[in-house]
Amino acid sequence: MVSLLEVVLNPSDAYSDERTDTNTDHCSRHTQARTDSPTHLDTSMDSSTGEGVGRDTLGTPSAGSYKPPIYPGAVTDIPTINCEEFTMTKFYSEYLSAGRPVIVKGHLHHAQWEGLKVLSDLEEMKLRYGHRTVPIEGDTCAHVEEADQATDMKQKGGSGKLKTILFSQFIDDHLKPSQDWCDHQADVQNPAQAGPGAKKQVHTFPHVGYISQHNLFQQIRPMQDLFSVPMYTNLGSLKMVNAWCGTVGTVTALHTDEDNNFLAQIAGYKYIKIFSPADTELLYARAHPRATADNPLNNFSPIDVRDPDLQNHPLYRDARGLHAVLGPGDMLFLPKS
């Protein structure tokens, strides 16, 4: 079973820096809140081996069991801070005002989010919410053109990559098979578990499904009791709360954000990579195909950070990124673009 849940809380301030994001989600759930700050690029990938986990419980292995991909260019770790040390004063003076990203370790546990338990149990999710319908993307969006196609599908509300199904069907057809796939990958890549003669194999999960940037907590209001809005959003205005829930292999295109964000990881692990506004030209960011003066939308980059085409985008080699693997209970402050 594999799932990603992301809540986006968007407090909007007056900062005007730019930022670029790319997200790849594998076996995880998280909550995100937004506040304004500088340009960044982030790539996120979520993964779970399911090691020692019951069949209907989302796997949450140690971060060391997941090795993020290697990208060209210099990469350093995103700074971290313990939640007990992350005061409002420190947040404002050292991170919000300065436009610096930071990972707050253990925030969700400290705030006693019920979602840490409920949203890690697929059978409990089916029992509570299985009768509700949800919009599912059946593929990933790694490039500008694909992101535009996905937007078309959402606006048309019909066929193609976007479909509407029961939450219970999403769990049975996508999340559970995804967790089983992760369990199998852990076995075939661990000779001690797989037995003698086992060979390391890498396969692509065939049943990708993604609830992407959906206002799930407005649609299913009882879910609002599963989390609390971080107090740090009081320094701005709360703009929106969205949810992301998906299988291994889900991707969000490299793009800019118009607001500051808090991203809270509920279950599983998420790899994220971000870049400074100073690297904007190196990322070849351009306006979204549907952007207008009245509706600017996020800027997108054509670069697939998982497999960059350095022949067509040679400047990307000089981009200097920050990266991290978010685990259950972590909360990332991500400055706006």
C-alpha atoms as a PDB file:
ATOM      1  CA  MET A   1       0.000   0.000   0.000  1.00  0.00           C
ATOM      2  CA  VAL A   2       1.299   3.394  -0.832  1.00  0.00           C
ATOM      3  CA  SER A   3      -0.256   6.779  -0.418  1.00  0.00           C
ATOM      4  CA  LEU A   4       0.628  10.426  -0.205  1.00  0.00           C
ATOM      5  CA  LEU A   5      -1.439  12.984   1.607  1.00  0.00           C
ATOM      6  CA  GLU A   6      -0.356  16.598   1.451  1.00  0.00           C
ATOM      7  CA  VAL A   7      -2.217  19.491   2.995  1.00  0.00           C
ATOM      8  CA  VAL A   8      -1.332  22.938   1.690  1.00  0.00           C
ATOM      9  CA  LEU A   9      -1.952  25.823   4.038  1.00  0.00           C
ATOM     10  CA  ASN A  10      -1.233  29.074   2.245  1.00  0.00           C
ATOM     11  CA  PRO A  11      -0.798  32.226   4.284  1.00  0.00           C
ATOM     12  CA  SER A  12      -0.065  34.988   1.799  1.00  0.00           C
ATOM     13  CA  ASP A  13       2.300  37.851   2.642  1.00  0.00           C
ATOM     14  CA  ALA A  14       3.869  40.756   0.759  1.00  0.00           C
ATOM     15  CA  TYR A  15       7.175  39.183  -0.273  1.00  0.00           C
ATOM     16  CA  SER A  16       7.898  39.081  -3.983  1.00  0.00           C
ATOM     17  CA  ASP A  17      10.725  36.590  -4.473  1.00  0.00           C
ATOM     18  CA  GLU A  18      10.429  33.745  -6.950  1.00  0.00           C
ATOM     19  CA  ARG A  19      10.610  30.022  -6.482  1.00  0.00           C
ATOM     20  CA  THR A  20      10.481  26.836  -8.534  1.00  0.00           C
ATOM     21  CA  ASP A  21       9.146  23.445  -7.407  1.00  0.00           C
ATOM     22  CA  THR A  22       9.244  19.886  -8.688  1.00  0.00           C
ATOM     23  CA  ASN A  23       7.591  17.084  -6.729  1.00  0.00           C
ATOM     24  CA  THR A  24       7.810  13.323  -7.203  1.00  0.00           C
ATOM     25  CA  ASP A  25       5.766  11.394  -4.677  1.00  0.00           C
ATOM     26  CA  HIS A  26       6.298   7.762  -3.725  1.00  0.00           C
ATOM     27  CA  CYS A  27       4.501   6.078  -0.853  1.00  0.00           C
ATOM     28  CA  SER A  28       3.864   8.988   1.467  1.00  0.00           C
ATOM     29  CA  ARG A  29       1.411  11.437   2.989  1.00  0.00           C
ATOM     30  CA  HIS A  30       2.056  14.970   4.102  1.00  0.00           C
ATOM     31  CA  THR A  31       0.481  18.308   4.933  1.00  0.00           C
ATOM     32  CA  GLN A  32       1.691  21.602   3.530  1.00  0.00           C
ATOM     33  CA  ALA A  33       1.144  25.182   4.654  1.00  0.00           C
ATOM     34  CA  ARG A  34       2.189  28.271   2.704  1.00  0.00           C
ATOM     35  CA  THR A  35       3.706  31.692   3.564  1.00  0.00           C
ATOM     36  CA  ASP A  36       5.692  34.047   1.288  1.00  0.00           C
ATOM     37  CA  SER A  37       9.481  34.090   0.566  1.00  0.00           C
ATOM     38  CA  PRO A  38      12.172  33.709  -2.202  1.00  0.00           C
ATOM     39  CA  THR A  39      12.400  31.653  -5.366  1.00  0.00           C
ATOM     40  CA  HIS A  40      13.020  27.983  -4.976  1.00  0.00           C
ATOM     41  CA  LEU A  41      12.901  24.797  -6.930  1.00  0.00           C
ATOM     42  CA  ASP A  42      11.928  21.619  -5.211  1.00  0.00           C
ATOM     43  CA  THR A  43      11.728  18.022  -6.278  1.00  0.00           C
ATOM     44  CA  SER A  44      10.019  15.567  -4.001  1.00  0.00           C
ATOM     45  CA  MET A  45       9.879  11.794  -4.079  1.00  0.00           C
ATOM     46  CA  ASP A  46       8.139   9.576  -1.565  1.00  0.00           C
ATOM     47  CA  SER A  47       9.131   5.997  -0.857  1.00  0.00           C
ATOM     48  CA  SER A  48       8.306   3.191   1.525  1.00  0.00           C
ATOM     49  CA  THR A  49       9.668  -0.321   1.777  1.00  0.00           C
ATOM     50  CA  GLY A  50       6.826  -1.508   3.953  1.00  0.00           C
ATOM     51  CA  GLU A  51       9.407  -3.358   6.057  1.00  0.00           C
ATOM     52  CA  GLY A  52       7.829  -4.851   9.169  1.00  0.00           C
ATOM     53  CA  VAL A  53       4.497  -3.226   8.401  1.00  0.00           C
ATOM     54  CA  GLY A  54       1.066  -4.855   8.418  1.00  0.00           C
ATOM     55  CA  ARG A  55      -0.688  -5.303   5.092  1.00  0.00           C
ATOM     56  CA  ASP A  56      -3.132  -2.448   5.643  1.00  0.00           C
ATOM     57  CA  THR A  57      -0.781   0.008   7.295  1.00  0.00           C
ATOM     58  CA  LEU A  58       1.274   2.441   5.269  1.00  0.00           C
ATOM     59  CA  GLY A  59       4.959   1.600   5.529  1.00  0.00           C
ATOM     60  CA  THR A  60       7.238   4.142   7.158  1.00  0.00           C
ATOM     61  CA  PRO A  61      10.792   2.760   7.046  1.00  0.00           C
ATOM     62  CA  SER A  62      13.809   4.671   8.246  1.00  0.00           C
ATOM     63  CA  ALA A  63      14.953   7.419   5.921  1.00  0.00           C
ATOM     64  CA  GLY A  64      18.197   5.509   5.459  1.00  0.00           C
ATOM     65  CA  SER A  65      16.344   2.784   3.569  1.00  0.00           C
ATOM     66  CA  TYR A  66      15.565   5.221   0.756  1.00  0.00           C
ATOM     67  CA  LYS A  67      18.425   6.655  -1.250  1.00  0.00           C
ATOM     68  CA  PRO A  68      17.471   9.738  -3.287  1.00  0.00           C
ATOM     69  CA  PRO A  69      18.666   9.981  -6.895  1.00  0.00           C
ATOM     70  CA  ILE A  70      21.849  11.793  -7.782  1.00  0.00           C
ATOM     71  CA  TYR A  71      21.477  14.954  -9.864  1.00  0.00           C
ATOM     72  CA  PRO A  72      24.069  17.061 -11.684  1.00  0.00           C
ATOM     73  CA  GLY A  73      25.241  20.152  -9.867  1.00  0.00           C
ATOM     74  CA  ALA A  74      26.073  20.878  -6.259  1.00  0.00           C
ATOM     75  CA  VAL A  75      23.538  19.794  -3.630  1.00  0.00           C
ATOM     76  CA  THR A  76      23.526  20.423   0.120  1.00  0.00           C
ATOM     77  CA  ASP A  77      21.024  19.543   2.827  1.00  0.00           C
ATOM     78  CA  ILE A  78      18.071  21.768   3.734  1.00  0.00           C
ATOM     79  CA  PRO A  79      18.618  23.125   7.296  1.00  0.00           C
ATOM     80  CA  THR A  80      16.633  21.437  10.081  1.00  0.00           C
ATOM     81  CA  ILE A  81      15.465  22.532  13.527  1.00  0.00           C
ATOM     82  CA  ASN A  82      13.744  20.730  16.398  1.00  0.00           C
ATOM     83  CA  CYS A  83      10.104  21.776  16.842  1.00  0.00           C
ATOM     84  CA  GLU A  84      10.695  22.844  20.470  1.00  0.00           C
ATOM     85  CA  GLU A  85      13.261  25.393  19.261  1.00  0.00           C
ATOM     86  CA  PHE A  86      11.128  26.760  16.422  1.00  0.00           C
ATOM     87  CA  THR A  87       9.531  29.805  18.062  1.00  0.00           C
ATOM     88  CA  MET A  88       7.453  32.455  16.297  1.00  0.00           C
ATOM     89  CA  THR A  89      10.269  34.969  16.782  1.00  0.00           C
ATOM     90  CA  LYS A  90      12.865  32.641  15.289  1.00  0.00           C
ATOM     91  CA  PHE A  91      10.583  31.760  12.372  1.00  0.00           C
ATOM     92  CA  TYR A  92       9.929  35.397  11.505  1.00  0.00           C
ATOM     93  CA  SER A  93      13.447  36.756  11.954  1.00  0.00           C
ATOM     94  CA  GLU A  94      15.536  33.883  10.593  1.00  0.00           C
ATOM     95  CA  TYR A  95      13.312  32.256   7.974  1.00  0.00           C
ATOM     96  CA  LEU A  96      10.195  34.173   6.857  1.00  0.00           C
ATOM     97  CA  SER A  97      11.870  37.584   6.611  1.00  0.00           C
ATOM     98  CA  ALA A  98      15.036  36.110   5.151  1.00  0.00           C
ATOM     99  CA  GLY A  99      13.241  33.795   2.721  1.00  0.00           C
ATOM    100  CA  ARG A 100      15.140  30.755   4.013  1.00  0.00           C
ATOM    101  CA  PRO A 101      13.725  27.214   3.929  1.00  0.00           C
ATOM    102  CA  VAL A 102      13.847  25.021   7.038  1.00  0.00           C
ATOM    103  CA  ILE A 103      12.582  21.597   8.123  1.00  0.00           C
ATOM    104  CA  VAL A 104      10.879  21.524  11.532  1.00  0.00           C
ATOM    105  CA  LYS A 105      11.468  18.039  12.935  1.00  0.00           C
ATOM    106  CA  GLY A 106       8.654  16.395  14.887  1.00  0.00           C
ATOM    107  CA  HIS A 107       6.097  19.194  14.549  1.00  0.00           C
ATOM    108  CA  LEU A 108       3.136  16.931  13.773  1.00  0.00           C
ATOM    109  CA  HIS A 109       3.846  14.669  16.735  1.00  0.00           C
ATOM    110  CA  HIS A 110       4.308  17.667  19.017  1.00  0.00           C
ATOM    111  CA  ALA A 111       0.988  19.118  17.799  1.00  0.00           C
ATOM    112  CA  GLN A 112      -0.660  15.696  18.249  1.00  0.00           C
ATOM    113  CA  TRP A 113      -2.125  15.413  14.764  1.00  0.00           C
ATOM    114  CA  GLU A 114      -4.705  12.620  14.689  1.00  0.00           C
ATOM    115  CA  GLY A 115      -3.988  12.279  10.978  1.00  0.00           C
ATOM    116  CA  LEU A 116      -0.658  10.597  11.761  1.00  0.00           C
ATOM    117  CA  LYS A 117      -2.657   7.552  12.862  1.00  0.00           C
ATOM    118  CA  VAL A 118      -5.834   7.688  10.781  1.00  0.00           C
ATOM    119  CA  LEU A 119      -4.206   8.507   7.455  1.00  0.00           C
ATOM    120  CA  SER A 120      -1.634   5.734   7.827  1.00  0.00           C
ATOM    121  CA  ASP A 121      -4.342   3.056   8.043  1.00  0.00           C
ATOM    122  CA  LEU A 122      -5.943   2.318   4.682  1.00  0.00           C
ATOM    123  CA  GLU A 123      -8.759   0.230   6.147  1.00  0.00           C
ATOM    124  CA  GLU A 124      -9.634   3.026   8.569  1.00  0.00           C
ATOM    125  CA  MET A 125      -9.621   5.479   5.660  1.00  0.00           C
ATOM    126  CA  LYS A 126     -11.990   3.219   3.712  1.00  0.00           C
ATOM    127  CA  LEU A 127     -14.289   2.898   6.708  1.00  0.00           C
ATOM    128  CA  ARG A 128     -14.469   6.660   7.272  1.00  0.00           C
ATOM    129  CA  TYR A 129     -14.240   8.101   3.774  1.00  0.00           C
ATOM    130  CA  GLY A 130     -14.573   5.234   1.280  1.00  0.00           C
ATOM    131  CA  HIS A 131     -18.063   6.298   0.144  1.00  0.00           C
ATOM    132  CA  ARG A 132     -16.858   9.740  -0.999  1.00  0.00           C
ATOM    133  CA  THR A 133     -15.776  10.459  -4.580  1.00  0.00           C
ATOM    134  CA  VAL A 134     -12.357  11.916  -5.390  1.00  0.00           C
ATOM    135  CA  PRO A 135     -10.650  13.167  -8.595  1.00  0.00           C
ATOM    136  CA  ILE A 136      -7.727  10.955  -9.605  1.00  0.00           C
ATOM    137  CA  GLU A 137      -4.962  11.672 -12.089  1.00  0.00           C
ATOM    138  CA  GLY A 138      -3.847   8.452 -13.713  1.00  0.00           C
ATOM    139  CA  ASP A 139      -0.393   9.594 -14.749  1.00  0.00           C
ATOM    140  CA  THR A 140       2.431  11.894 -13.681  1.00  0.00           C
ATOM    141  CA  CYS A 141       3.087  15.435 -14.895  1.00  0.00           C
ATOM    142  CA  ALA A 142       6.798  15.962 -15.275  1.00  0.00           C
ATOM    143  CA  HIS A 143       6.869  18.679 -17.919  1.00  0.00           C
ATOM    144  CA  VAL A 144       5.102  21.880 -18.869  1.00  0.00           C
ATOM    145  CA  GLU A 145       3.203  20.332 -21.759  1.00  0.00           C
ATOM    146  CA  GLU A 146       1.969  17.442 -19.600  1.00  0.00           C
ATOM    147  CA  ALA A 147       0.960  19.833 -16.836  1.00  0.00           C
ATOM    148  CA  ASP A 148      -1.057  21.816 -19.361  1.00  0.00           C
ATOM    149  CA  GLN A 149      -2.773  18.639 -20.542  1.00  0.00           C
ATOM    150  CA  ALA A 150      -3.650  17.759 -16.961  1.00  0.00           C
ATOM    151  CA  THR A 151      -5.130  21.241 -16.525  1.00  0.00           C
ATOM    152  CA  ASP A 152      -7.237  20.668 -19.636  1.00  0.00           C
ATOM    153  CA  MET A 153      -8.506  17.404 -18.191  1.00  0.00           C
ATOM    154  CA  LYS A 154      -9.415  19.024 -14.890  1.00  0.00           C
ATOM    155  CA  GLN A 155     -11.292  21.826 -16.630  1.00  0.00           C
ATOM    156  CA  LYS A 156     -13.141  19.392 -18.877  1.00  0.00           C
ATOM    157  CA  GLY A 157     -13.795  17.124 -15.897  1.00  0.00           C
ATOM    158  CA  GLY A 158     -13.918  14.091 -18.117  1.00  0.00           C
ATOM    159  CA  SER A 159     -11.732  11.522 -19.767  1.00  0.00           C
ATOM    160  CA  GLY A 160      -8.023  11.119 -20.195  1.00  0.00           C
ATOM    161  CA  LYS A 161      -5.687  11.379 -17.235  1.00  0.00           C
ATOM    162  CA  LEU A 162      -8.336  12.605 -14.808  1.00  0.00           C
ATOM    163  CA  LYS A 163     -11.187  10.456 -13.497  1.00  0.00           C
ATOM    164  CA  THR A 164     -13.578  10.568 -10.553  1.00  0.00           C
ATOM    165  CA  ILE A 165     -13.937   7.421  -8.442  1.00  0.00           C
ATOM    166  CA  LEU A 166     -14.884   6.357  -4.929  1.00  0.00           C
ATOM    167  CA  PHE A 167     -12.170   6.824  -2.318  1.00  0.00           C
ATOM    168  CA  SER A 168     -12.499   3.098  -1.519  1.00  0.00           C
ATOM    169  CA  GLN A 169     -11.763   2.225  -5.151  1.00  0.00           C
ATOM    170  CA  PHE A 170      -8.752   4.535  -5.153  1.00  0.00           C
ATOM    171  CA  ILE A 171      -7.408   2.705  -2.100  1.00  0.00           C
ATOM    172  CA  ASP A 172      -8.062  -0.780  -3.521  1.00  0.00           C
ATOM    173  CA  ASP A 173      -6.936  -0.112  -7.102  1.00  0.00           C
ATOM    174  CA  HIS A 174      -3.994   2.197  -6.445  1.00  0.00           C
ATOM    175  CA  LEU A 175      -2.802   2.638  -2.855  1.00  0.00           C
ATOM    176  CA  LYS A 176      -2.806  -1.003  -1.748  1.00  0.00           C
ATOM    177  CA  PRO A 177      -1.144  -2.283  -4.944  1.00  0.00           C
ATOM    178  CA  SER A 178       1.399   0.502  -4.585  1.00  0.00           C
ATOM    179  CA  GLN A 179       2.295  -0.634  -1.066  1.00  0.00           C
ATOM    180  CA  ASP A 180       2.571  -4.236  -2.260  1.00  0.00           C
ATOM    181  CA  TRP A 181       4.865  -3.035  -5.035  1.00  0.00           C
ATOM    182  CA  CYS A 182       7.077  -1.266  -2.491  1.00  0.00           C
ATOM    183  CA  ASP A 183       7.168  -4.413  -0.357  1.00  0.00           C
ATOM    184  CA  HIS A 184       8.290  -6.426  -3.382  1.00  0.00           C
ATOM    185  CA  GLN A 185      10.943  -3.897  -4.370  1.00  0.00           C
ATOM    186  CA  ALA A 186      12.328  -4.042  -0.835  1.00  0.00           C
ATOM    187  CA  ASP A 187      12.564  -7.838  -1.107  1.00  0.00           C
ATOM    188  CA  VAL A 188      14.238  -8.018  -4.514  1.00  0.00           C
ATOM    189  CA  GLN A 189      16.768  -5.370  -3.520  1.00  0.00           C
ATOM    190  CA  ASN A 190      17.598  -7.049  -0.201  1.00  0.00           C
ATOM    191  CA  PRO A 191      19.266 -10.450  -0.794  1.00  0.00           C
ATOM    192  CA  ALA A 192      18.928 -11.324   2.898  1.00  0.00           C
ATOM    193  CA  GLN A 193      15.150 -11.153   2.539  1.00  0.00           C
ATOM    194  CA  ALA A 194      14.821 -12.365  -1.038  1.00  0.00           C
ATOM    195  CA  GLY A 195      17.013 -15.447  -0.606  1.00  0.00           C
ATOM    196  CA  PRO A 196      20.073 -16.762  -2.480  1.00  0.00           C
ATOM    197  CA  GLY A 197      20.422 -15.942  -6.150  1.00  0.00           C
ATOM    198  CA  ALA A 198      18.146 -12.911  -5.979  1.00  0.00           C
ATOM    199  CA  LYS A 199      19.035 -10.123  -8.389  1.00  0.00           C
ATOM    200  CA  LYS A 200      18.518  -6.432  -7.857  1.00  0.00           C
ATOM    201  CA  GLN A 201      15.681  -5.216 -10.097  1.00  0.00           C
ATOM    202  CA  VAL A 202      14.116  -1.854 -10.757  1.00  0.00           C
ATOM    203  CA  HIS A 203      10.598  -1.729 -12.197  1.00  0.00           C
ATOM    204  CA  THR A 204       8.011   0.949 -12.805  1.00  0.00           C
ATOM    205  CA  PHE A 205       4.781   0.807 -10.829  1.00  0.00           C
ATOM    206  CA  PRO A 206       1.966   0.345 -13.404  1.00  0.00           C
ATOM    207  CA  HIS A 207      -1.020   1.731 -11.462  1.00  0.00           C
ATOM    208  CA  VAL A 208      -0.047   5.315 -10.681  1.00  0.00           C
ATOM    209  CA  GLY A 209      -2.862   7.340  -9.140  1.00  0.00           C
ATOM    210  CA  TYR A 210      -2.818  10.806  -7.609  1.00  0.00           C
ATOM    211  CA  ILE A 211      -5.198  13.130  -5.794  1.00  0.00           C
ATOM    212  CA  SER A 212      -3.389  16.310  -6.769  1.00  0.00           C
ATOM    213  CA  GLN A 213      -3.942  19.767  -5.246  1.00  0.00           C
ATOM    214  CA  HIS A 214      -7.535  18.971  -4.335  1.00  0.00           C
ATOM    215  CA  ASN A 215      -9.484  20.773  -1.600  1.00  0.00           C
ATOM    216  CA  LEU A 216     -10.177  17.452   0.095  1.00  0.00           C
ATOM    217  CA  PHE A 217     -10.664  18.960   3.546  1.00  0.00           C
ATOM    218  CA  GLN A 218     -13.416  21.241   2.308  1.00  0.00           C
ATOM    219  CA  GLN A 219     -15.094  18.381   0.468  1.00  0.00           C
ATOM    220  CA  ILE A 220     -14.801  15.918   3.388  1.00  0.00           C
ATOM    221  CA  ARG A 221     -15.095  18.243   6.374  1.00  0.00           C
ATOM    222  CA  PRO A 222     -14.588  15.614   9.122  1.00  0.00           C
ATOM    223  CA  MET A 223     -11.007  15.369   7.830  1.00  0.00           C
ATOM    224  CA  GLN A 224     -10.391  18.874   9.182  1.00  0.00           C
ATOM    225  CA  ASP A 225     -10.277  17.385  12.674  1.00  0.00           C
ATOM    226  CA  LEU A 226      -7.206  15.340  11.715  1.00  0.00           C
ATOM    227  CA  PHE A 227      -4.795  18.281  11.710  1.00  0.00           C
ATOM    228  CA  SER A 228      -4.280  21.747  13.155  1.00  0.00           C
ATOM    229  CA  VAL A 229      -3.142  24.829  11.264  1.00  0.00           C
ATOM    230  CA  PRO A 230       0.453  25.688  12.276  1.00  0.00           C
ATOM    231  CA  MET A 231       0.511  28.817  14.424  1.00  0.00           C
ATOM    232  CA  TYR A 232       3.247  30.279  12.207  1.00  0.00           C
ATOM    233  CA  THR A 233       0.634  31.003   9.531  1.00  0.00           C
ATOM    234  CA  ASN A 234      -0.704  33.751  11.814  1.00  0.00           C
ATOM    235  CA  LEU A 235       2.060  35.972  10.434  1.00  0.00           C
ATOM    236  CA  GLY A 236       0.172  36.018   7.129  1.00  0.00           C
ATOM    237  CA  SER A 237      -3.322  35.213   5.880  1.00  0.00           C
ATOM    238  CA  LEU A 238      -4.308  31.579   5.392  1.00  0.00           C
ATOM    239  CA  LYS A 239      -4.934  31.297   1.667  1.00  0.00           C
ATOM    240  CA  MET A 240      -5.815  27.656   1.027  1.00  0.00           C
ATOM    241  CA  VAL A 241      -5.623  24.086   2.293  1.00  0.00           C
ATOM    242  CA  ASN A 242      -5.190  21.371  -0.332  1.00  0.00           C
ATOM    243  CA  ALA A 243      -4.490  17.653  -0.281  1.00  0.00           C
ATOM    244  CA  TRP A 244      -2.217  15.380  -2.282  1.00  0.00           C
ATOM    245  CA  CYS A 245      -2.621  11.624  -1.963  1.00  0.00           C
ATOM    246  CA  GLY A 246      -0.925   9.239  -4.322  1.00  0.00           C
ATOM    247  CA  THR A 247       0.980   6.111  -5.176  1.00  0.00           C
ATOM    248  CA  VAL A 248       4.625   5.554  -5.828  1.00  0.00           C
ATOM    249  CA  GLY A 249       5.687   7.301  -9.032  1.00  0.00           C
ATOM    250  CA  THR A 250       3.610  10.475  -8.800  1.00  0.00           C
ATOM    251  CA  VAL A 251       5.298  13.654 -10.014  1.00  0.00           C
ATOM    252  CA  THR A 252       4.659  17.394  -9.931  1.00  0.00           C
ATOM    253  CA  ALA A 253       6.370  19.453 -12.620  1.00  0.00           C
ATOM    254  CA  LEU A 254       9.203  21.830 -11.783  1.00  0.00           C
ATOM    255  CA  HIS A 255       7.447  25.133 -11.106  1.00  0.00           C
ATOM    256  CA  THR A 256       7.308  28.357  -9.117  1.00  0.00           C
ATOM    257  CA  ASP A 257       5.015  29.029  -6.155  1.00  0.00           C
ATOM    258  CA  GLU A 258       3.217  32.319  -5.631  1.00  0.00           C
ATOM    259  CA  ASP A 259       2.875  31.862  -1.856  1.00  0.00           C
ATOM    260  CA  ASN A 260       4.890  30.718   1.124  1.00  0.00           C
ATOM    261  CA  ASN A 261       4.270  27.101   2.073  1.00  0.00           C
ATOM    262  CA  PHE A 262       4.289  24.815   5.050  1.00  0.00           C
ATOM    263  CA  LEU A 263       4.438  21.205   3.908  1.00  0.00           C
ATOM    264  CA  ALA A 264       3.743  18.638   6.630  1.00  0.00           C
ATOM    265  CA  GLN A 265       4.603  14.993   5.998  1.00  0.00           C
ATOM    266  CA  ILE A 266       1.993  12.674   7.515  1.00  0.00           C
ATOM    267  CA  ALA A 267       3.181   9.228   6.401  1.00  0.00           C
ATOM    268  CA  GLY A 268       5.872   7.750   4.206  1.00  0.00           C
ATOM    269  CA  TYR A 269       8.849   9.674   2.878  1.00  0.00           C
ATOM    270  CA  LYS A 270       9.185  12.486   0.387  1.00  0.00           C
ATOM    271  CA  TYR A 271      12.349  13.544  -1.408  1.00  0.00           C
ATOM    272  CA  ILE A 272      12.410  17.262  -2.127  1.00  0.00           C
ATOM    273  CA  LYS A 273      14.921  19.459  -3.939  1.00  0.00           C
ATOM    274  CA  ILE A 274      14.829  23.266  -4.011  1.00  0.00           C
ATOM    275  CA  PHE A 275      16.817  26.033  -5.676  1.00  0.00           C
ATOM    276  CA  SER A 276      17.505  29.672  -4.894  1.00  0.00           C
ATOM    277  CA  PRO A 277      16.030  32.563  -6.921  1.00  0.00           C
ATOM    278  CA  ALA A 278      19.595  33.180  -8.045  1.00  0.00           C
ATOM    279  CA  ASP A 279      19.386  29.985 -10.132  1.00  0.00           C
ATOM    280  CA  THR A 280      16.243  30.974 -12.045  1.00  0.00           C
ATOM    281  CA  GLU A 281      18.019  31.370 -15.401  1.00  0.00           C
ATOM    282  CA  LEU A 282      19.796  28.040 -14.931  1.00  0.00           C
ATOM    283  CA  LEU A 283      16.414  26.312 -14.618  1.00  0.00           C
ATOM    284  CA  TYR A 284      14.993  27.642 -17.922  1.00  0.00           C
ATOM    285  CA  ALA A 285      11.731  28.607 -16.177  1.00  0.00           C
ATOM    286  CA  ARG A 286       9.024  30.066 -18.387  1.00  0.00           C
ATOM    287  CA  ALA A 287       5.408  31.133 -18.133  1.00  0.00           C
ATOM    288  CA  HIS A 288       2.745  28.464 -17.942  1.00  0.00           C
ATOM    289  CA  PRO A 289       1.062  27.948 -21.348  1.00  0.00           C
ATOM    290  CA  ARG A 290      -2.254  29.165 -19.891  1.00  0.00           C
ATOM    291  CA  ALA A 291      -0.842  32.177 -18.036  1.00  0.00           C
ATOM    292  CA  THR A 292      -2.466  35.578 -18.650  1.00  0.00           C
ATOM    293  CA  ALA A 293      -2.083  39.055 -17.173  1.00  0.00           C
ATOM    294  CA  ASP A 294      -5.105  38.457 -14.949  1.00  0.00           C
ATOM    295  CA  ASN A 295      -4.176  34.860 -14.164  1.00  0.00           C
ATOM    296  CA  PRO A 296      -0.358  34.594 -14.126  1.00  0.00           C
ATOM    297  CA  LEU A 297      -0.207  30.987 -12.802  1.00  0.00           C
ATOM    298  CA  ASN A 298       3.056  29.364 -11.757  1.00  0.00           C
ATOM    299  CA  ASN A 299       6.117  29.406 -13.986  1.00  0.00           C
ATOM    300  CA  PHE A 300       7.286  25.994 -15.126  1.00  0.00           C
ATOM    301  CA  SER A 301      10.659  24.558 -16.104  1.00  0.00           C
ATOM    302  CA  PRO A 302      11.036  22.017 -18.937  1.00  0.00           C
ATOM    303  CA  ILE A 303      13.756  20.213 -16.976  1.00  0.00           C
ATOM    304  CA  ASP A 304      13.040  16.733 -15.675  1.00  0.00           C
ATOM    305  CA  VAL A 305      15.266  16.771 -12.596  1.00  0.00           C
ATOM    306  CA  ARG A 306      15.167  12.964 -12.431  1.00  0.00           C
ATOM    307  CA  ASP A 307      16.820  12.733 -15.843  1.00  0.00           C
ATOM    308  CA  PRO A 308      17.925  16.194 -17.006  1.00  0.00           C
ATOM    309  CA  ASP A 309      18.716  16.745 -20.670  1.00  0.00           C
ATOM    310  CA  LEU A 310      22.024  18.556 -20.280  1.00  0.00           C
ATOM    311  CA  GLN A 311      22.516  18.794 -24.028  1.00  0.00           C
ATOM    312  CA  ASN A 312      19.475  21.054 -24.372  1.00  0.00           C
ATOM    313  CA  HIS A 313      19.739  22.565 -20.881  1.00  0.00           C
ATOM    314  CA  PRO A 314      23.482  22.810 -20.173  1.00  0.00           C
ATOM    315  CA  LEU A 315      23.112  25.643 -17.639  1.00  0.00           C
ATOM    316  CA  TYR A 316      21.302  23.294 -15.255  1.00  0.00           C
ATOM    317  CA  ARG A 317      24.630  21.653 -14.468  1.00  0.00           C
ATOM    318  CA  ASP A 318      25.638  24.805 -12.572  1.00  0.00           C
ATOM    319  CA  ALA A 319      22.440  25.081 -10.514  1.00  0.00           C
ATOM    320  CA  ARG A 320      23.063  24.729  -6.791  1.00  0.00           C
ATOM    321  CA  GLY A 321      20.239  23.000  -4.969  1.00  0.00           C
ATOM    322  CA  LEU A 322      19.184  22.048  -1.467  1.00  0.00           C
ATOM    323  CA  HIS A 323      17.553  18.703  -0.805  1.00  0.00           C
ATOM    324  CA  ALA A 324      16.116  16.507   1.935  1.00  0.00           C
ATOM    325  CA  VAL A 325      13.968  13.470   2.636  1.00  0.00           C
ATOM    326  CA  LEU A 326      10.884  14.373   4.695  1.00  0.00           C
ATOM    327  CA  GLY A 327       9.575  11.728   7.080  1.00  0.00           C
ATOM    328  CA  PRO A 328       6.382  11.337   9.137  1.00  0.00           C
ATOM    329  CA  GLY A 329       5.978  14.273  11.520  1.00  0.00           C
ATOM    330  CA  ASP A 330       8.299  16.626   9.618  1.00  0.00           C
ATOM    331  CA  MET A 331       7.154  20.046   8.422  1.00  0.00           C
ATOM    332  CA  LEU A 332       8.996  22.033   5.755  1.00  0.00           C
ATOM    333  CA  PHE A 333       8.780  25.808   5.448  1.00  0.00           C
ATOM    334  CA  LEU A 334       9.184  26.607   1.778  1.00  0.00           C
ATOM    335  CA  PRO A 335       9.515  30.309   0.837  1.00  0.00           C
ATOM    336  CA  LYS A 336       7.448  31.587  -2.057  1.00  0.00           C
ATOM    337  CA  SER A 337       8.736  32.083  -5.588  1.00  0.00           C
END
